[in-house]
Amino acid sequence: MYEVLQELNKTSGITGSMLVAEDGMVIAADLDSTHDDETVGALASSIAASVRNSMAKLGRDPFEQVTIEADHNQMFLADAGVGMLVVTAERQVNIGLVRLEIKNAVGRLQENH
């Protein structure tokens, strides 16, 4: 798992990544030192639960990926089957490239599990 995260973090603009259980428990993390693993894991879990509940109320399938844009950075959440892949990135990152790399990382995580 760590190898997948480290490889993902080599992508231009990505500042860190982690795999989080549905309850917010950190499974594996490779975040930069400005982020606390447990705090990011708890935040991602809370956001994912809210999105899942909203999608269920709309009668829609669970989400595959969620993007959150803030003033100075972005966060991507993706269902990886074995947990939720959380990726932090710079604000001006190439979103298409990041989404492609996340898709590849999810595939590798699912293969390794």
PDB file of N, CA and C in Angstrom:
ATOM      1  N   MET A   1       0.817  -1.202   0.000  1.00  0.00           N
ATOM      2  CA  MET A   1       0.000   0.000   0.000  1.00  0.00           C
ATOM      3  C   MET A   1       0.859   1.263   0.000  1.00  0.00           C
ATOM      4  N   TYR A   2       1.881   1.244   0.849  1.00  0.00           N
ATOM      5  CA  TYR A   2       2.741   2.429   0.927  1.00  0.00           C
ATOM      6  C   TYR A   2       3.413   2.727  -0.406  1.00  0.00           C
ATOM      7  N   GLU A   3       3.765   1.675  -1.150  1.00  0.00           N
ATOM      8  CA  GLU A   3       4.407   1.875  -2.440  1.00  0.00           C
ATOM      9  C   GLU A   3       3.465   2.594  -3.403  1.00  0.00           C
ATOM     10  N   VAL A   4       2.186   2.229  -3.359  1.00  0.00           N
ATOM     11  CA  VAL A   4       1.189   2.865  -4.227  1.00  0.00           C
ATOM     12  C   VAL A   4       1.056   4.342  -3.858  1.00  0.00           C
ATOM     13  N   LEU A   5       1.016   4.641  -2.559  1.00  0.00           N
ATOM     14  CA  LEU A   5       0.903   6.028  -2.121  1.00  0.00           C
ATOM     15  C   LEU A   5       2.143   6.830  -2.512  1.00  0.00           C
ATOM     16  N   GLN A   6       3.307   6.253  -2.314  1.00  0.00           N
ATOM     17  CA  GLN A   6       4.548   6.949  -2.659  1.00  0.00           C
ATOM     18  C   GLN A   6       4.617   7.235  -4.158  1.00  0.00           C
ATOM     19  N   GLU A   7       4.202   6.279  -4.959  1.00  0.00           N
ATOM     20  CA  GLU A   7       4.210   6.468  -6.414  1.00  0.00           C
ATOM     21  C   GLU A   7       3.210   7.560  -6.811  1.00  0.00           C
ATOM     22  N   LEU A   8       2.037   7.539  -6.204  1.00  0.00           N
ATOM     23  CA  LEU A   8       1.015   8.550  -6.477  1.00  0.00           C
ATOM     24  C   LEU A   8       1.532   9.945  -6.123  1.00  0.00           C
ATOM     25  N   ASN A   9       2.271  10.049  -5.026  1.00  0.00           N
ATOM     26  CA  ASN A   9       2.773  11.342  -4.565  1.00  0.00           C
ATOM     27  C   ASN A   9       3.848  11.930  -5.473  1.00  0.00           C
ATOM     28  N   LYS A  10       4.367  11.147  -6.398  1.00  0.00           N
ATOM     29  CA  LYS A  10       5.352  11.660  -7.355  1.00  0.00           C
ATOM     30  C   LYS A  10       4.690  12.492  -8.450  1.00  0.00           C
ATOM     31  N   THR A  11       3.365  12.430  -8.538  1.00  0.00           N
ATOM     32  CA  THR A  11       2.623  13.181  -9.542  1.00  0.00           C
ATOM     33  C   THR A  11       2.718  14.673  -9.232  1.00  0.00           C
ATOM     34  N   SER A  12       3.024  15.457 -10.223  1.00  0.00           N
ATOM     35  CA  SER A  12       3.163  16.902 -10.064  1.00  0.00           C
ATOM     36  C   SER A  12       1.903  17.507  -9.446  1.00  0.00           C
ATOM     37  N   GLY A  13       2.069  18.258  -8.368  1.00  0.00           N
ATOM     38  CA  GLY A  13       0.952  18.940  -7.722  1.00  0.00           C
ATOM     39  C   GLY A  13       0.330  18.186  -6.571  1.00  0.00           C
ATOM     40  N   ILE A  14       0.570  16.880  -6.472  1.00  0.00           N
ATOM     41  CA  ILE A  14       0.035  16.106  -5.348  1.00  0.00           C
ATOM     42  C   ILE A  14       0.961  16.302  -4.152  1.00  0.00           C
ATOM     43  N   THR A  15       0.373  16.641  -3.010  1.00  0.00           N
ATOM     44  CA  THR A  15       1.160  16.903  -1.808  1.00  0.00           C
ATOM     45  C   THR A  15       1.111  15.759  -0.799  1.00  0.00           C
ATOM     46  N   GLY A  16       0.213  14.805  -0.978  1.00  0.00           N
ATOM     47  CA  GLY A  16       0.142  13.671  -0.064  1.00  0.00           C
ATOM     48  C   GLY A  16      -1.027  12.771  -0.389  1.00  0.00           C
ATOM     49  N   SER A  17      -0.982  11.576   0.184  1.00  0.00           N
ATOM     50  CA  SER A  17      -2.084  10.628  -0.019  1.00  0.00           C
ATOM     51  C   SER A  17      -2.169   9.689   1.173  1.00  0.00           C
ATOM     52  N   MET A  18      -3.327   9.101   1.327  1.00  0.00           N
ATOM     53  CA  MET A  18      -3.537   8.148   2.417  1.00  0.00           C
ATOM     54  C   MET A  18      -4.697   7.225   2.091  1.00  0.00           C
ATOM     55  N   LEU A  19      -4.740   6.111   2.781  1.00  0.00           N
ATOM     56  CA  LEU A  19      -5.843   5.168   2.678  1.00  0.00           C
ATOM     57  C   LEU A  19      -6.516   5.140   4.043  1.00  0.00           C
ATOM     58  N   VAL A  20      -7.836   5.353   4.045  1.00  0.00           N
ATOM     59  CA  VAL A  20      -8.590   5.492   5.280  1.00  0.00           C
ATOM     60  C   VAL A  20      -9.750   4.498   5.294  1.00  0.00           C
ATOM     61  N   ALA A  21      -9.971   3.873   6.448  1.00  0.00           N
ATOM     62  CA  ALA A  21     -11.118   2.984   6.617  1.00  0.00           C
ATOM     63  C   ALA A  21     -12.395   3.823   6.689  1.00  0.00           C
ATOM     64  N   GLU A  22     -13.526   3.187   6.513  1.00  0.00           N
ATOM     65  CA  GLU A  22     -14.811   3.891   6.518  1.00  0.00           C
ATOM     66  C   GLU A  22     -15.040   4.658   7.819  1.00  0.00           C
ATOM     67  N   ASP A  23     -14.502   4.139   8.932  1.00  0.00           N
ATOM     68  CA  ASP A  23     -14.677   4.800  10.227  1.00  0.00           C
ATOM     69  C   ASP A  23     -13.666   5.924  10.478  1.00  0.00           C
ATOM     70  N   GLY A  24     -12.804   6.201   9.509  1.00  0.00           N
ATOM     71  CA  GLY A  24     -11.830   7.272   9.639  1.00  0.00           C
ATOM     72  C   GLY A  24     -10.467   6.827  10.124  1.00  0.00           C
ATOM     73  N   MET A  25     -10.338   5.544  10.459  1.00  0.00           N
ATOM     74  CA  MET A  25      -9.049   5.033  10.922  1.00  0.00           C
ATOM     75  C   MET A  25      -8.063   4.993   9.754  1.00  0.00           C
ATOM     76  N   VAL A  26      -6.859   5.490   9.996  1.00  0.00           N
ATOM     77  CA  VAL A  26      -5.832   5.551   8.963  1.00  0.00           C
ATOM     78  C   VAL A  26      -5.232   4.159   8.755  1.00  0.00           C
ATOM     79  N   ILE A  27      -5.295   3.668   7.523  1.00  0.00           N
ATOM     80  CA  ILE A  27      -4.723   2.369   7.166  1.00  0.00           C
ATOM     81  C   ILE A  27      -3.265   2.555   6.752  1.00  0.00           C
ATOM     82  N   ALA A  28      -3.010   3.548   5.928  1.00  0.00           N
ATOM     83  CA  ALA A  28      -1.655   3.869   5.473  1.00  0.00           C
ATOM     84  C   ALA A  28      -1.656   5.337   5.077  1.00  0.00           C
ATOM     85  N   ALA A  29      -0.532   6.027   5.305  1.00  0.00           N
ATOM     86  CA  ALA A  29      -0.478   7.449   4.985  1.00  0.00           C
ATOM     87  C   ALA A  29       0.908   7.862   4.527  1.00  0.00           C
ATOM     88  N   ASP A  30       0.930   8.776   3.579  1.00  0.00           N
ATOM     89  CA  ASP A  30       2.154   9.413   3.122  1.00  0.00           C
ATOM     90  C   ASP A  30       1.805  10.877   2.831  1.00  0.00           C
ATOM     91  N   LEU A  31       1.478  11.602   3.913  1.00  0.00           N
ATOM     92  CA  LEU A  31       1.106  13.017   3.800  1.00  0.00           C
ATOM     93  C   LEU A  31       2.307  13.887   4.122  1.00  0.00           C
ATOM     94  N   ASP A  32       2.278  15.132   3.631  1.00  0.00           N
ATOM     95  CA  ASP A  32       3.349  16.048   4.002  1.00  0.00           C
ATOM     96  C   ASP A  32       3.187  16.438   5.475  1.00  0.00           C
ATOM     97  N   SER A  33       4.200  17.025   6.033  1.00  0.00           N
ATOM     98  CA  SER A  33       4.228  17.286   7.476  1.00  0.00           C
ATOM     99  C   SER A  33       3.255  18.370   7.928  1.00  0.00           C
ATOM    100  N   THR A  34       2.636  19.094   6.998  1.00  0.00           N
ATOM    101  CA  THR A  34       1.684  20.136   7.389  1.00  0.00           C
ATOM    102  C   THR A  34       0.302  19.570   7.710  1.00  0.00           C
ATOM    103  N   HIS A  35       0.092  18.286   7.438  1.00  0.00           N
ATOM    104  CA  HIS A  35      -1.204  17.654   7.695  1.00  0.00           C
ATOM    105  C   HIS A  35      -1.062  16.552   8.744  1.00  0.00           C
ATOM    106  N   ASP A  36      -1.977  16.530   9.697  1.00  0.00           N
ATOM    107  CA  ASP A  36      -2.028  15.464  10.691  1.00  0.00           C
ATOM    108  C   ASP A  36      -2.847  14.308  10.122  1.00  0.00           C
ATOM    109  N   ASP A  37      -2.260  13.118  10.085  1.00  0.00           N
ATOM    110  CA  ASP A  37      -2.916  11.949   9.479  1.00  0.00           C
ATOM    111  C   ASP A  37      -4.310  11.701  10.045  1.00  0.00           C
ATOM    112  N   GLU A  38      -4.429  11.676  11.377  1.00  0.00           N
ATOM    113  CA  GLU A  38      -5.713  11.351  11.999  1.00  0.00           C
ATOM    114  C   GLU A  38      -6.775  12.407  11.709  1.00  0.00           C
ATOM    115  N   THR A  39      -6.358  13.678  11.690  1.00  0.00           N
ATOM    116  CA  THR A  39      -7.305  14.760  11.413  1.00  0.00           C
ATOM    117  C   THR A  39      -7.823  14.670   9.979  1.00  0.00           C
ATOM    118  N   VAL A  40      -6.933  14.462   9.037  1.00  0.00           N
ATOM    119  CA  VAL A  40      -7.339  14.341   7.632  1.00  0.00           C
ATOM    120  C   VAL A  40      -8.214  13.104   7.445  1.00  0.00           C
ATOM    121  N   GLY A  41      -7.858  11.998   8.095  1.00  0.00           N
ATOM    122  CA  GLY A  41      -8.649  10.774   8.004  1.00  0.00           C
ATOM    123  C   GLY A  41     -10.058  10.964   8.534  1.00  0.00           C
ATOM    124  N   ALA A  42     -10.173  11.631   9.688  1.00  0.00           N
ATOM    125  CA  ALA A  42     -11.488  11.883  10.278  1.00  0.00           C
ATOM    126  C   ALA A  42     -12.316  12.816   9.393  1.00  0.00           C
ATOM    127  N   LEU A  43     -11.681  13.854   8.868  1.00  0.00           N
ATOM    128  CA  LEU A  43     -12.378  14.784   7.979  1.00  0.00           C
ATOM    129  C   LEU A  43     -12.874  14.077   6.723  1.00  0.00           C
ATOM    130  N   ALA A  44     -12.004  13.286   6.116  1.00  0.00           N
ATOM    131  CA  ALA A  44     -12.382  12.561   4.898  1.00  0.00           C
ATOM    132  C   ALA A  44     -13.522  11.593   5.167  1.00  0.00           C
ATOM    133  N   SER A  45     -13.473  10.906   6.291  1.00  0.00           N
ATOM    134  CA  SER A  45     -14.534   9.963   6.655  1.00  0.00           C
ATOM    135  C   SER A  45     -15.867  10.678   6.837  1.00  0.00           C
ATOM    136  N   SER A  46     -15.833  11.824   7.491  1.00  0.00           N
ATOM    137  CA  SER A  46     -17.049  12.602   7.708  1.00  0.00           C
ATOM    138  C   SER A  46     -17.631  13.099   6.384  1.00  0.00           C
ATOM    139  N   ILE A  47     -16.791  13.600   5.516  1.00  0.00           N
ATOM    140  CA  ILE A  47     -17.248  14.078   4.211  1.00  0.00           C
ATOM    141  C   ILE A  47     -17.839  12.925   3.406  1.00  0.00           C
ATOM    142  N   ALA A  48     -17.140  11.792   3.382  1.00  0.00           N
ATOM    143  CA  ALA A  48     -17.616  10.633   2.616  1.00  0.00           C
ATOM    144  C   ALA A  48     -18.964  10.141   3.144  1.00  0.00           C
ATOM    145  N   ALA A  49     -19.129  10.106   4.463  1.00  0.00           N
ATOM    146  CA  ALA A  49     -20.403   9.663   5.045  1.00  0.00           C
ATOM    147  C   ALA A  49     -21.534  10.603   4.636  1.00  0.00           C
ATOM    148  N   SER A  50     -21.265  11.890   4.642  1.00  0.00           N
ATOM    149  CA  SER A  50     -22.271  12.866   4.243  1.00  0.00           C
ATOM    150  C   SER A  50     -22.652  12.693   2.773  1.00  0.00           C
ATOM    151  N   VAL A  51     -21.656  12.503   1.926  1.00  0.00           N
ATOM    152  CA  VAL A  51     -21.920  12.313   0.497  1.00  0.00           C
ATOM    153  C   VAL A  51     -22.695  11.013   0.277  1.00  0.00           C
ATOM    154  N   ARG A  52     -22.292   9.935   0.958  1.00  0.00           N
ATOM    155  CA  ARG A  52     -23.012   8.651   0.820  1.00  0.00           C
ATOM    156  C   ARG A  52     -24.476   8.803   1.216  1.00  0.00           C
ATOM    157  N   ASN A  53     -24.732   9.467   2.350  1.00  0.00           N
ATOM    158  CA  ASN A  53     -26.106   9.664   2.815  1.00  0.00           C
ATOM    159  C   ASN A  53     -26.913  10.487   1.819  1.00  0.00           C
ATOM    160  N   SER A  54     -26.311  11.534   1.302  1.00  0.00           N
ATOM    161  CA  SER A  54     -27.003  12.384   0.321  1.00  0.00           C
ATOM    162  C   SER A  54     -27.311  11.608  -0.955  1.00  0.00           C
ATOM    163  N   MET A  55     -26.348  10.825  -1.423  1.00  0.00           N
ATOM    164  CA  MET A  55     -26.558  10.032  -2.638  1.00  0.00           C
ATOM    165  C   MET A  55     -27.653   8.984  -2.414  1.00  0.00           C
ATOM    166  N   ALA A  56     -27.679   8.383  -1.238  1.00  0.00           N
ATOM    167  CA  ALA A  56     -28.707   7.378  -0.924  1.00  0.00           C
ATOM    168  C   ALA A  56     -30.094   8.026  -0.929  1.00  0.00           C
ATOM    169  N   LYS A  57     -30.209   9.227  -0.379  1.00  0.00           N
ATOM    170  CA  LYS A  57     -31.492   9.931  -0.366  1.00  0.00           C
ATOM    171  C   LYS A  57     -31.971  10.250  -1.775  1.00  0.00           C
ATOM    172  N   LEU A  58     -31.027  10.435  -2.686  1.00  0.00           N
ATOM    173  CA  LEU A  58     -31.375  10.704  -4.081  1.00  0.00           C
ATOM    174  C   LEU A  58     -31.584   9.419  -4.877  1.00  0.00           C
ATOM    175  N   GLY A  59     -31.346   8.281  -4.227  1.00  0.00           N
ATOM    176  CA  GLY A  59     -31.504   7.005  -4.911  1.00  0.00           C
ATOM    177  C   GLY A  59     -30.402   6.734  -5.912  1.00  0.00           C
ATOM    178  N   ARG A  60     -29.241   7.292  -5.676  1.00  0.00           N
ATOM    179  CA  ARG A  60     -28.107   7.140  -6.588  1.00  0.00           C
ATOM    180  C   ARG A  60     -27.090   6.169  -6.009  1.00  0.00           C
ATOM    181  N   ASP A  61     -26.280   5.629  -6.905  1.00  0.00           N
ATOM    182  CA  ASP A  61     -25.213   4.729  -6.482  1.00  0.00           C
ATOM    183  C   ASP A  61     -24.208   5.490  -5.635  1.00  0.00           C
ATOM    184  N   PRO A  62     -23.442   4.768  -4.827  1.00  0.00           N
ATOM    185  CA  PRO A  62     -22.399   5.431  -4.034  1.00  0.00           C
ATOM    186  C   PRO A  62     -21.399   6.148  -4.950  1.00  0.00           C
ATOM    187  N   PHE A  63     -20.769   7.152  -4.410  1.00  0.00           N
ATOM    188  CA  PHE A  63     -19.829   7.934  -5.204  1.00  0.00           C
ATOM    189  C   PHE A  63     -18.567   7.139  -5.518  1.00  0.00           C
ATOM    190  N   GLU A  64     -17.944   7.483  -6.615  1.00  0.00           N
ATOM    191  CA  GLU A  64     -16.644   6.913  -6.959  1.00  0.00           C
ATOM    192  C   GLU A  64     -15.538   7.863  -6.545  1.00  0.00           C
ATOM    193  N   GLN A  65     -15.791   9.173  -6.751  1.00  0.00           N
ATOM    194  CA  GLN A  65     -14.773  10.156  -6.427  1.00  0.00           C
ATOM    195  C   GLN A  65     -15.426  11.494  -6.117  1.00  0.00           C
ATOM    196  N   VAL A  66     -14.858  12.193  -5.133  1.00  0.00           N
ATOM    197  CA  VAL A  66     -15.325  13.516  -4.736  1.00  0.00           C
ATOM    198  C   VAL A  66     -14.122  14.448  -4.747  1.00  0.00           C
ATOM    199  N   THR A  67     -14.305  15.660  -5.259  1.00  0.00           N
ATOM    200  CA  THR A  67     -13.246  16.663  -5.272  1.00  0.00           C
ATOM    201  C   THR A  67     -13.689  17.854  -4.437  1.00  0.00           C
ATOM    202  N   ILE A  68     -12.811  18.292  -3.549  1.00  0.00           N
ATOM    203  CA  ILE A  68     -13.091  19.454  -2.708  1.00  0.00           C
ATOM    204  C   ILE A  68     -12.040  20.507  -3.034  1.00  0.00           C
ATOM    205  N   GLU A  69     -12.499  21.677  -3.414  1.00  0.00           N
ATOM    206  CA  GLU A  69     -11.596  22.765  -3.752  1.00  0.00           C
ATOM    207  C   GLU A  69     -11.649  23.822  -2.656  1.00  0.00           C
ATOM    208  N   ALA A  70     -10.494  24.222  -2.163  1.00  0.00           N
ATOM    209  CA  ALA A  70     -10.390  25.265  -1.154  1.00  0.00           C
ATOM    210  C   ALA A  70      -9.511  26.387  -1.713  1.00  0.00           C
ATOM    211  N   ASP A  71      -9.311  27.426  -0.921  1.00  0.00           N
ATOM    212  CA  ASP A  71      -8.522  28.573  -1.384  1.00  0.00           C
ATOM    213  C   ASP A  71      -7.109  28.189  -1.803  1.00  0.00           C
ATOM    214  N   HIS A  72      -6.452  27.326  -1.035  1.00  0.00           N
ATOM    215  CA  HIS A  72      -5.041  27.054  -1.276  1.00  0.00           C
ATOM    216  C   HIS A  72      -4.720  25.611  -1.649  1.00  0.00           C
ATOM    217  N   ASN A  73      -5.710  24.731  -1.615  1.00  0.00           N
ATOM    218  CA  ASN A  73      -5.432  23.337  -1.954  1.00  0.00           C
ATOM    219  C   ASN A  73      -6.711  22.617  -2.357  1.00  0.00           C
ATOM    220  N   GLN A  74      -6.540  21.362  -2.703  1.00  0.00           N
ATOM    221  CA  GLN A  74      -7.670  20.514  -3.068  1.00  0.00           C
ATOM    222  C   GLN A  74      -7.535  19.175  -2.371  1.00  0.00           C
ATOM    223  N   MET A  75      -8.658  18.495  -2.220  1.00  0.00           N
ATOM    224  CA  MET A  75      -8.669  17.149  -1.659  1.00  0.00           C
ATOM    225  C   MET A  75      -9.557  16.281  -2.548  1.00  0.00           C
ATOM    226  N   PHE A  76      -9.060  15.106  -2.845  1.00  0.00           N
ATOM    227  CA  PHE A  76      -9.803  14.149  -3.657  1.00  0.00           C
ATOM    228  C   PHE A  76     -10.075  12.925  -2.798  1.00  0.00           C
ATOM    229  N   LEU A  77     -11.302  12.427  -2.819  1.00  0.00           N
ATOM    230  CA  LEU A  77     -11.682  11.207  -2.110  1.00  0.00           C
ATOM    231  C   LEU A  77     -12.147  10.208  -3.150  1.00  0.00           C
ATOM    232  N   ALA A  78     -11.627   8.988  -3.077  1.00  0.00           N
ATOM    233  CA  ALA A  78     -12.014   7.966  -4.049  1.00  0.00           C
ATOM    234  C   ALA A  78     -12.205   6.636  -3.341  1.00  0.00           C
ATOM    235  N   ASP A  79     -13.265   5.939  -3.697  1.00  0.00           N
ATOM    236  CA  ASP A  79     -13.513   4.606  -3.149  1.00  0.00           C
ATOM    237  C   ASP A  79     -12.499   3.646  -3.747  1.00  0.00           C
ATOM    238  N   ALA A  80     -11.694   3.026  -2.877  1.00  0.00           N
ATOM    239  CA  ALA A  80     -10.672   2.094  -3.349  1.00  0.00           C
ATOM    240  C   ALA A  80     -11.023   0.655  -3.001  1.00  0.00           C
ATOM    241  N   GLY A  81     -12.237   0.415  -2.541  1.00  0.00           N
ATOM    242  CA  GLY A  81     -12.642  -0.940  -2.183  1.00  0.00           C
ATOM    243  C   GLY A  81     -12.099  -1.366  -0.825  1.00  0.00           C
ATOM    244  N   VAL A  82     -10.802  -1.293  -0.656  1.00  0.00           N
ATOM    245  CA  VAL A  82     -10.152  -1.672   0.606  1.00  0.00           C
ATOM    246  C   VAL A  82     -10.171  -0.519   1.601  1.00  0.00           C
ATOM    247  N   GLY A  83     -10.684   0.598   1.204  1.00  0.00           N
ATOM    248  CA  GLY A  83     -10.753   1.805   2.005  1.00  0.00           C
ATOM    249  C   GLY A  83     -10.974   2.980   1.080  1.00  0.00           C
ATOM    250  N   MET A  84     -10.838   4.165   1.623  1.00  0.00           N
ATOM    251  CA  MET A  84     -11.002   5.360   0.822  1.00  0.00           C
ATOM    252  C   MET A  84      -9.628   5.979   0.585  1.00  0.00           C
ATOM    253  N   LEU A  85      -9.331   6.232  -0.670  1.00  0.00           N
ATOM    254  CA  LEU A  85      -8.080   6.892  -1.017  1.00  0.00           C
ATOM    255  C   LEU A  85      -8.311   8.392  -0.910  1.00  0.00           C
ATOM    256  N   VAL A  86      -7.466   9.049  -0.122  1.00  0.00           N
ATOM    257  CA  VAL A  86      -7.543  10.491   0.081  1.00  0.00           C
ATOM    258  C   VAL A  86      -6.266  11.094  -0.491  1.00  0.00           C
ATOM    259  N   VAL A  87      -6.414  12.076  -1.358  1.00  0.00           N
ATOM    260  CA  VAL A  87      -5.267  12.720  -1.994  1.00  0.00           C
ATOM    261  C   VAL A  87      -5.369  14.223  -1.765  1.00  0.00           C
ATOM    262  N   THR A  88      -4.283  14.814  -1.272  1.00  0.00           N
ATOM    263  CA  THR A  88      -4.219  16.263  -1.129  1.00  0.00           C
ATOM    264  C   THR A  88      -3.357  16.816  -2.255  1.00  0.00           C
ATOM    265  N   ALA A  89      -3.720  17.998  -2.735  1.00  0.00           N
ATOM    266  CA  ALA A  89      -3.019  18.557  -3.884  1.00  0.00           C
ATOM    267  C   ALA A  89      -3.012  20.081  -3.818  1.00  0.00           C
ATOM    268  N   GLU A  90      -2.107  20.664  -4.588  1.00  0.00           N
ATOM    269  CA  GLU A  90      -2.044  22.114  -4.716  1.00  0.00           C
ATOM    270  C   GLU A  90      -3.304  22.619  -5.417  1.00  0.00           C
ATOM    271  N   ARG A  91      -3.629  23.857  -5.219  1.00  0.00           N
ATOM    272  CA  ARG A  91      -4.844  24.455  -5.784  1.00  0.00           C
ATOM    273  C   ARG A  91      -4.840  24.426  -7.316  1.00  0.00           C
ATOM    274  N   GLN A  92      -3.719  24.680  -7.931  1.00  0.00           N
ATOM    275  CA  GLN A  92      -3.647  24.786  -9.387  1.00  0.00           C
ATOM    276  C   GLN A  92      -3.200  23.489 -10.061  1.00  0.00           C
ATOM    277  N   VAL A  93      -3.440  22.377  -9.437  1.00  0.00           N
ATOM    278  CA  VAL A  93      -3.029  21.082  -9.976  1.00  0.00           C
ATOM    279  C   VAL A  93      -3.823  20.747 -11.245  1.00  0.00           C
ATOM    280  N   ASN A  94      -3.242  19.926 -12.098  1.00  0.00           N
ATOM    281  CA  ASN A  94      -3.926  19.435 -13.297  1.00  0.00           C
ATOM    282  C   ASN A  94      -4.924  18.360 -12.834  1.00  0.00           C
ATOM    283  N   ILE A  95      -6.190  18.724 -12.745  1.00  0.00           N
ATOM    284  CA  ILE A  95      -7.212  17.829 -12.191  1.00  0.00           C
ATOM    285  C   ILE A  95      -7.356  16.558 -13.022  1.00  0.00           C
ATOM    286  N   GLY A  96      -7.297  16.676 -14.328  1.00  0.00           N
ATOM    287  CA  GLY A  96      -7.409  15.492 -15.186  1.00  0.00           C
ATOM    288  C   GLY A  96      -6.296  14.493 -14.912  1.00  0.00           C
ATOM    289  N   LEU A  97      -5.076  14.982 -14.775  1.00  0.00           N
ATOM    290  CA  LEU A  97      -3.941  14.115 -14.467  1.00  0.00           C
ATOM    291  C   LEU A  97      -4.106  13.462 -13.107  1.00  0.00           C
ATOM    292  N   VAL A  98      -4.516  14.243 -12.115  1.00  0.00           N
ATOM    293  CA  VAL A  98      -4.701  13.693 -10.769  1.00  0.00           C
ATOM    294  C   VAL A  98      -5.771  12.614 -10.778  1.00  0.00           C
ATOM    295  N   ARG A  99      -6.874  12.852 -11.439  1.00  0.00           N
ATOM    296  CA  ARG A  99      -7.950  11.844 -11.501  1.00  0.00           C
ATOM    297  C   ARG A  99      -7.477  10.566 -12.192  1.00  0.00           C
ATOM    298  N   LEU A 100      -6.692  10.702 -13.246  1.00  0.00           N
ATOM    299  CA  LEU A 100      -6.140   9.529 -13.924  1.00  0.00           C
ATOM    300  C   LEU A 100      -5.208   8.759 -12.996  1.00  0.00           C
ATOM    301  N   GLU A 101      -4.344   9.466 -12.294  1.00  0.00           N
ATOM    302  CA  GLU A 101      -3.412   8.809 -11.369  1.00  0.00           C
ATOM    303  C   GLU A 101      -4.146   8.161 -10.202  1.00  0.00           C
ATOM    304  N   ILE A 102      -5.220   8.791  -9.732  1.00  0.00           N
ATOM    305  CA  ILE A 102      -6.034   8.195  -8.666  1.00  0.00           C
ATOM    306  C   ILE A 102      -6.680   6.906  -9.170  1.00  0.00           C
ATOM    307  N   LYS A 103      -7.210   6.940 -10.374  1.00  0.00           N
ATOM    308  CA  LYS A 103      -7.836   5.739 -10.962  1.00  0.00           C
ATOM    309  C   LYS A 103      -6.816   4.602 -11.043  1.00  0.00           C
ATOM    310  N   ASN A 104      -5.600   4.920 -11.490  1.00  0.00           N
ATOM    311  CA  ASN A 104      -4.544   3.903 -11.572  1.00  0.00           C
ATOM    312  C   ASN A 104      -4.172   3.381 -10.192  1.00  0.00           C
ATOM    313  N   ALA A 105      -4.072   4.271  -9.223  1.00  0.00           N
ATOM    314  CA  ALA A 105      -3.718   3.866  -7.855  1.00  0.00           C
ATOM    315  C   ALA A 105      -4.808   2.981  -7.244  1.00  0.00           C
ATOM    316  N   VAL A 106      -6.060   3.327  -7.476  1.00  0.00           N
ATOM    317  CA  VAL A 106      -7.181   2.504  -6.973  1.00  0.00           C
ATOM    318  C   VAL A 106      -7.083   1.098  -7.567  1.00  0.00           C
ATOM    319  N   GLY A 107      -6.820   1.009  -8.846  1.00  0.00           N
ATOM    320  CA  GLY A 107      -6.675  -0.301  -9.486  1.00  0.00           C
ATOM    321  C   GLY A 107      -5.550  -1.116  -8.863  1.00  0.00           C
ATOM    322  N   ARG A 108      -4.418  -0.472  -8.591  1.00  0.00           N
ATOM    323  CA  ARG A 108      -3.293  -1.186  -7.990  1.00  0.00           C
ATOM    324  C   ARG A 108      -3.594  -1.587  -6.545  1.00  0.00           C
ATOM    325  N   LEU A 109      -4.290  -0.728  -5.797  1.00  0.00           N
ATOM    326  CA  LEU A 109      -4.664  -1.078  -4.424  1.00  0.00           C
ATOM    327  C   LEU A 109      -5.600  -2.281  -4.406  1.00  0.00           C
ATOM    328  N   GLN A 110      -6.551  -2.310  -5.340  1.00  0.00           N
ATOM    329  CA  GLN A 110      -7.503  -3.426  -5.398  1.00  0.00           C
ATOM    330  C   GLN A 110      -6.807  -4.714  -5.822  1.00  0.00           C
ATOM    331  N   GLU A 111      -5.816  -4.629  -6.711  1.00  0.00           N
ATOM    332  CA  GLU A 111      -5.051  -5.812  -7.122  1.00  0.00           C
ATOM    333  C   GLU A 111      -4.242  -6.389  -5.976  1.00  0.00           C
ATOM    334  N   ASN A 112      -3.676  -5.507  -5.148  1.00  0.00           N
ATOM    335  CA  ASN A 112      -2.801  -5.925  -4.065  1.00  0.00           C
ATOM    336  C   ASN A 112      -3.557  -6.434  -2.846  1.00  0.00           C
ATOM    337  N   HIS A 113      -4.848  -6.199  -2.813  1.00  0.00           N
ATOM    338  CA  HIS A 113      -5.607  -6.596  -1.618  1.00  0.00           C
ATOM    339  C   HIS A 113      -6.144  -7.985  -1.719  1.00  0.00           C
TER     340      HIS A 113
END
